[in-house]
Amino acid sequence: MNATLYLPHQPPQPVPADGLAMPDPATGLVGVPAAVPILLECAAELVDVLASGPGFVAYLIFDCEGEVNPAAMAAVGELAGVGFELDDEDAVLRGPVLVIR
């Protein structure tokens, strides 16, 4: 398992996977381990599961108004099989995004 933090306008940063977890293989349920809000530098109640599937989970800060994060959109789009449009204000990812594989 590896974890990558995507910050706007910065290269992806590998981060320690200690304390992180993948979706439950039997149910597909995803929790928010205590390490996630620490890595995203936010309160635990602001963490949202952006996408998950077999072998990955992506977290972001709920309703973040930070800068657009194109690198995170590319990474999550590839994993989740979705497309993000930079000109669609409601669909862009903003702020930090944590992806665990």
C-alpha atoms as a PDB file:
ATOM      1  CA  MET A   1       0.000   0.000   0.000  1.00  0.00           C
ATOM      2  CA  ASN A   2       1.262   3.470  -0.795  1.00  0.00           C
ATOM      3  CA  ALA A   3      -0.138   6.918  -0.170  1.00  0.00           C
ATOM      4  CA  THR A   4       0.308  10.088  -2.197  1.00  0.00           C
ATOM      5  CA  LEU A   5      -0.641  13.611  -1.220  1.00  0.00           C
ATOM      6  CA  TYR A   6      -1.607  15.921  -4.066  1.00  0.00           C
ATOM      7  CA  LEU A   7      -1.294  19.607  -3.273  1.00  0.00           C
ATOM      8  CA  PRO A   8      -2.272  22.262  -5.827  1.00  0.00           C
ATOM      9  CA  HIS A   9       0.608  23.375  -8.058  1.00  0.00           C
ATOM     10  CA  GLN A  10       3.104  20.988  -6.443  1.00  0.00           C
ATOM     11  CA  PRO A  11       4.430  17.598  -7.513  1.00  0.00           C
ATOM     12  CA  PRO A  12       2.716  14.581  -5.903  1.00  0.00           C
ATOM     13  CA  GLN A  13       4.286  13.769  -2.546  1.00  0.00           C
ATOM     14  CA  PRO A  14       4.604  10.212  -1.241  1.00  0.00           C
ATOM     15  CA  VAL A  15       3.566  10.122   2.419  1.00  0.00           C
ATOM     16  CA  PRO A  16       3.850   7.367   5.045  1.00  0.00           C
ATOM     17  CA  ALA A  17       0.989   4.881   4.891  1.00  0.00           C
ATOM     18  CA  ASP A  18       1.164   4.219   8.638  1.00  0.00           C
ATOM     19  CA  GLY A  19      -2.313   4.375  10.125  1.00  0.00           C
ATOM     20  CA  LEU A  20      -4.058   4.401   6.734  1.00  0.00           C
ATOM     21  CA  ALA A  21      -6.335   1.667   5.394  1.00  0.00           C
ATOM     22  CA  MET A  22      -7.850   0.433   2.170  1.00  0.00           C
ATOM     23  CA  PRO A  23     -11.598  -0.138   1.708  1.00  0.00           C
ATOM     24  CA  ASP A  24     -12.881  -3.245   3.479  1.00  0.00           C
ATOM     25  CA  PRO A  25     -12.511  -6.047   0.895  1.00  0.00           C
ATOM     26  CA  ALA A  26     -15.719  -7.799   1.985  1.00  0.00           C
ATOM     27  CA  THR A  27     -18.028  -4.778   2.111  1.00  0.00           C
ATOM     28  CA  GLY A  28     -16.216  -2.039   0.217  1.00  0.00           C
ATOM     29  CA  LEU A  29     -16.834   0.326   3.131  1.00  0.00           C
ATOM     30  CA  VAL A  30     -14.302   3.063   3.703  1.00  0.00           C
ATOM     31  CA  GLY A  31     -13.493   4.646   7.022  1.00  0.00           C
ATOM     32  CA  VAL A  32     -11.545   7.790   7.754  1.00  0.00           C
ATOM     33  CA  PRO A  33      -8.473   6.790   9.764  1.00  0.00           C
ATOM     34  CA  ALA A  34      -7.110   9.380  12.210  1.00  0.00           C
ATOM     35  CA  ALA A  35      -4.039   9.892   9.999  1.00  0.00           C
ATOM     36  CA  VAL A  36      -6.102  11.315   7.105  1.00  0.00           C
ATOM     37  CA  PRO A  37      -7.089  14.690   8.619  1.00  0.00           C
ATOM     38  CA  ILE A  38      -3.515  15.080   9.853  1.00  0.00           C
ATOM     39  CA  LEU A  39      -2.171  14.641   6.316  1.00  0.00           C
ATOM     40  CA  LEU A  40      -4.850  16.923   4.837  1.00  0.00           C
ATOM     41  CA  GLU A  41      -4.277  19.445   7.653  1.00  0.00           C
ATOM     42  CA  CYS A  42      -7.947  19.814   8.513  1.00  0.00           C
ATOM     43  CA  ALA A  43     -10.471  18.851  11.170  1.00  0.00           C
ATOM     44  CA  ALA A  44     -11.639  15.230  11.053  1.00  0.00           C
ATOM     45  CA  GLU A  45     -15.248  16.222  10.389  1.00  0.00           C
ATOM     46  CA  LEU A  46     -14.193  17.982   7.167  1.00  0.00           C
ATOM     47  CA  VAL A  47     -12.680  14.862   5.551  1.00  0.00           C
ATOM     48  CA  ASP A  48     -14.753  13.369   2.749  1.00  0.00           C
ATOM     49  CA  VAL A  49     -14.263  10.186   0.747  1.00  0.00           C
ATOM     50  CA  LEU A  50     -14.018  11.382  -2.839  1.00  0.00           C
ATOM     51  CA  ALA A  51     -13.866   7.970  -4.501  1.00  0.00           C
ATOM     52  CA  SER A  52     -13.039   4.379  -3.636  1.00  0.00           C
ATOM     53  CA  GLY A  53     -12.866   1.039  -5.317  1.00  0.00           C
ATOM     54  CA  PRO A  54     -10.941  -2.186  -5.250  1.00  0.00           C
ATOM     55  CA  GLY A  55      -7.392  -1.182  -4.474  1.00  0.00           C
ATOM     56  CA  PHE A  56      -7.785   2.562  -3.884  1.00  0.00           C
ATOM     57  CA  VAL A  57      -9.407   5.298  -1.844  1.00  0.00           C
ATOM     58  CA  ALA A  58      -9.193   9.073  -2.289  1.00  0.00           C
ATOM     59  CA  TYR A  59      -9.912  11.655   0.399  1.00  0.00           C
ATOM     60  CA  LEU A  60     -10.382  15.405   0.198  1.00  0.00           C
ATOM     61  CA  ILE A  61     -11.576  18.283   2.338  1.00  0.00           C
ATOM     62  CA  PHE A  62     -15.338  18.705   2.038  1.00  0.00           C
ATOM     63  CA  ASP A  63     -16.360  21.898   0.212  1.00  0.00           C
ATOM     64  CA  CYS A  64     -12.783  23.171   0.030  1.00  0.00           C
ATOM     65  CA  GLU A  65     -12.447  26.559  -1.629  1.00  0.00           C
ATOM     66  CA  GLY A  66      -8.692  26.289  -2.161  1.00  0.00           C
ATOM     67  CA  GLU A  67      -6.858  26.292  -5.456  1.00  0.00           C
ATOM     68  CA  VAL A  68      -7.791  23.906  -8.277  1.00  0.00           C
ATOM     69  CA  ASN A  69      -5.771  20.677  -8.136  1.00  0.00           C
ATOM     70  CA  PRO A  70      -5.225  19.362 -11.711  1.00  0.00           C
ATOM     71  CA  ALA A  71      -2.746  16.636 -10.661  1.00  0.00           C
ATOM     72  CA  ALA A  72      -5.273  15.178  -8.222  1.00  0.00           C
ATOM     73  CA  MET A  73      -7.990  15.288 -10.876  1.00  0.00           C
ATOM     74  CA  ALA A  74      -5.770  13.305 -13.244  1.00  0.00           C
ATOM     75  CA  ALA A  75      -4.846  10.710 -10.602  1.00  0.00           C
ATOM     76  CA  VAL A  76      -8.369  10.215  -9.271  1.00  0.00           C
ATOM     77  CA  GLY A  77      -9.825  10.258 -12.771  1.00  0.00           C
ATOM     78  CA  GLU A  78      -7.514   7.456 -13.831  1.00  0.00           C
ATOM     79  CA  LEU A  79      -8.258   5.326 -10.757  1.00  0.00           C
ATOM     80  CA  ALA A  80     -12.007   5.906 -10.663  1.00  0.00           C
ATOM     81  CA  GLY A  81     -12.550   6.006 -14.424  1.00  0.00           C
ATOM     82  CA  VAL A  82     -14.132   9.455 -14.383  1.00  0.00           C
ATOM     83  CA  GLY A  83     -13.293  12.668 -16.146  1.00  0.00           C
ATOM     84  CA  PHE A  84     -12.951  16.113 -14.620  1.00  0.00           C
ATOM     85  CA  GLU A  85     -13.455  19.265 -16.648  1.00  0.00           C
ATOM     86  CA  LEU A  86     -11.395  22.303 -15.657  1.00  0.00           C
ATOM     87  CA  ASP A  87     -14.120  24.603 -16.957  1.00  0.00           C
ATOM     88  CA  ASP A  88     -16.833  22.990 -14.779  1.00  0.00           C
ATOM     89  CA  GLU A  89     -16.607  24.886 -11.484  1.00  0.00           C
ATOM     90  CA  ASP A  90     -18.812  22.316  -9.708  1.00  0.00           C
ATOM     91  CA  ALA A  91     -16.678  19.345 -10.761  1.00  0.00           C
ATOM     92  CA  VAL A  92     -13.089  20.485 -10.209  1.00  0.00           C
ATOM     93  CA  LEU A  93     -11.101  19.265  -7.226  1.00  0.00           C
ATOM     94  CA  ARG A  94      -9.724  21.946  -4.941  1.00  0.00           C
ATOM     95  CA  GLY A  95      -7.167  21.849  -2.166  1.00  0.00           C
ATOM     96  CA  PRO A  96      -5.252  18.796  -0.963  1.00  0.00           C
ATOM     97  CA  VAL A  97      -6.253  15.281  -2.033  1.00  0.00           C
ATOM     98  CA  LEU A  98      -4.887  12.080  -0.473  1.00  0.00           C
ATOM     99  CA  VAL A  99      -4.851   8.936  -2.613  1.00  0.00           C
ATOM    100  CA  ILE A 100      -4.108   5.508  -1.146  1.00  0.00           C
ATOM    101  CA  ARG A 101      -3.390   2.533  -3.428  1.00  0.00           C
END
